[in-house]
Amino acid sequence: MAGAATDLSSLPEVQRKRTLELSAYFTVPALDPNHVTLALFSAMNLANRNKQLSSALGFANTLIEKGTNAKFKENVSEDKPKILLDTADM
């Protein structure tokens, strides 16, 4: 696993895919709302930094809808237009 690092470019392709999958899986289970917010924010950042823009956008939308932390929601609201522009450029 990548630990706290968000740049996965130095990892082998198989491990990179697995890390992104695991970050997405942590957003699915029924967790405490605060933990779900943290999992969504982490998965969004990891996906965005590794050019998985459609996943990042999905996590951002879910975080805005279900998130409990106002600071995370504010950050996502600021980052979402940048993610949308990046997906449009693809």
Protein backbone atom coordinates (compact mmCIF):
# COMPACT_ATOMS: atom_id res chain seq x y z
CA MET A 1 0.00 0.00 0.00
CA ALA A 2 1.14 3.56 -0.54
CA GLY A 3 0.81 4.62 3.11
CA ALA A 4 0.23 8.35 3.41
CA ALA A 5 1.72 9.12 -0.02
CA THR A 6 -0.60 10.26 -2.77
CA ASP A 7 1.87 10.05 -5.67
CA LEU A 8 1.66 6.51 -6.93
CA SER A 9 3.80 7.00 -10.03
CA SER A 10 6.78 5.15 -8.52
CA LEU A 11 4.69 2.03 -7.83
CA PRO A 12 4.28 -0.86 -10.27
CA GLU A 13 1.08 -0.70 -12.35
CA VAL A 14 -0.57 -3.59 -10.49
CA GLN A 15 0.06 -2.04 -7.09
CA ARG A 16 -1.09 1.39 -8.33
CA LYS A 17 -4.40 -0.06 -9.53
CA ARG A 18 -4.86 -1.96 -6.28
CA THR A 19 -4.23 1.15 -4.18
CA LEU A 20 -6.81 3.14 -6.13
CA GLU A 21 -9.30 0.25 -5.82
CA LEU A 22 -8.83 0.03 -2.07
CA SER A 23 -9.31 3.76 -1.62
CA ALA A 24 -12.61 3.47 -3.49
CA TYR A 25 -13.72 0.41 -1.49
CA PHE A 26 -13.31 2.29 1.79
CA THR A 27 -16.05 4.70 0.68
CA VAL A 28 -18.67 1.93 0.39
CA PRO A 29 -19.17 0.32 3.85
CA ALA A 30 -21.58 1.66 6.43
CA LEU A 31 -19.20 3.67 8.59
CA ASP A 32 -19.67 6.51 11.01
CA PRO A 33 -20.55 9.60 8.90
CA ASN A 34 -17.32 11.35 9.93
CA HIS A 35 -15.28 8.36 8.77
CA VAL A 36 -17.16 8.17 5.47
CA THR A 37 -16.36 11.85 4.90
CA LEU A 38 -12.66 11.23 5.51
CA ALA A 39 -12.65 8.15 3.25
CA LEU A 40 -14.36 10.07 0.44
CA PHE A 41 -11.99 13.03 0.76
CA SER A 42 -8.94 10.76 0.74
CA ALA A 43 -10.21 8.73 -2.22
CA MET A 44 -11.04 11.90 -4.15
CA ASN A 45 -7.55 13.34 -3.60
CA LEU A 46 -5.81 10.07 -4.45
CA ALA A 47 -7.85 9.62 -7.63
CA ASN A 48 -7.37 13.25 -8.68
CA ARG A 49 -3.60 13.20 -8.19
CA ASN A 50 -3.34 10.00 -10.19
CA LYS A 51 -5.43 11.24 -13.13
CA GLN A 52 -8.48 9.08 -12.36
CA LEU A 53 -10.66 12.12 -12.94
CA SER A 54 -14.07 10.49 -13.39
CA SER A 55 -13.58 8.65 -10.08
CA ALA A 56 -12.43 11.86 -8.40
CA LEU A 57 -15.52 13.65 -9.68
CA GLY A 58 -17.80 10.90 -8.38
CA PHE A 59 -16.17 11.04 -4.94
CA ALA A 60 -16.45 14.85 -4.95
CA ASN A 61 -20.17 14.73 -5.75
CA THR A 62 -20.82 12.14 -3.04
CA LEU A 63 -18.80 14.13 -0.53
CA ILE A 64 -20.77 17.30 -1.25
CA GLU A 65 -24.01 15.33 -0.87
CA LYS A 66 -23.19 13.20 2.19
CA GLY A 67 -20.20 14.86 3.84
CA THR A 68 -20.33 16.01 7.45
CA ASN A 69 -17.22 18.20 7.63
CA ALA A 70 -17.78 21.78 6.45
CA LYS A 71 -14.07 22.36 5.70
CA PHE A 72 -13.89 19.25 3.47
CA LYS A 73 -17.07 20.31 1.68
CA GLU A 74 -15.63 23.78 1.10
CA ASN A 75 -12.37 22.34 -0.27
CA VAL A 76 -14.28 19.99 -2.56
CA SER A 77 -16.49 22.81 -3.82
CA GLU A 78 -13.32 24.70 -4.75
CA ASP A 79 -11.63 21.67 -6.35
CA LYS A 80 -14.63 20.35 -8.29
CA PRO A 81 -14.49 22.97 -11.10
CA LYS A 82 -10.78 22.16 -11.62
CA ILE A 83 -11.59 18.45 -11.88
CA LEU A 84 -14.40 19.19 -14.35
CA LEU A 85 -12.03 21.23 -16.53
CA ASP A 86 -9.45 18.46 -16.47
CA THR A 87 -12.02 15.84 -17.52
CA ALA A 88 -13.17 18.12 -20.35
CA ASP A 89 -9.59 18.34 -21.63
CA MET A 90 -9.32 14.57 -21.96
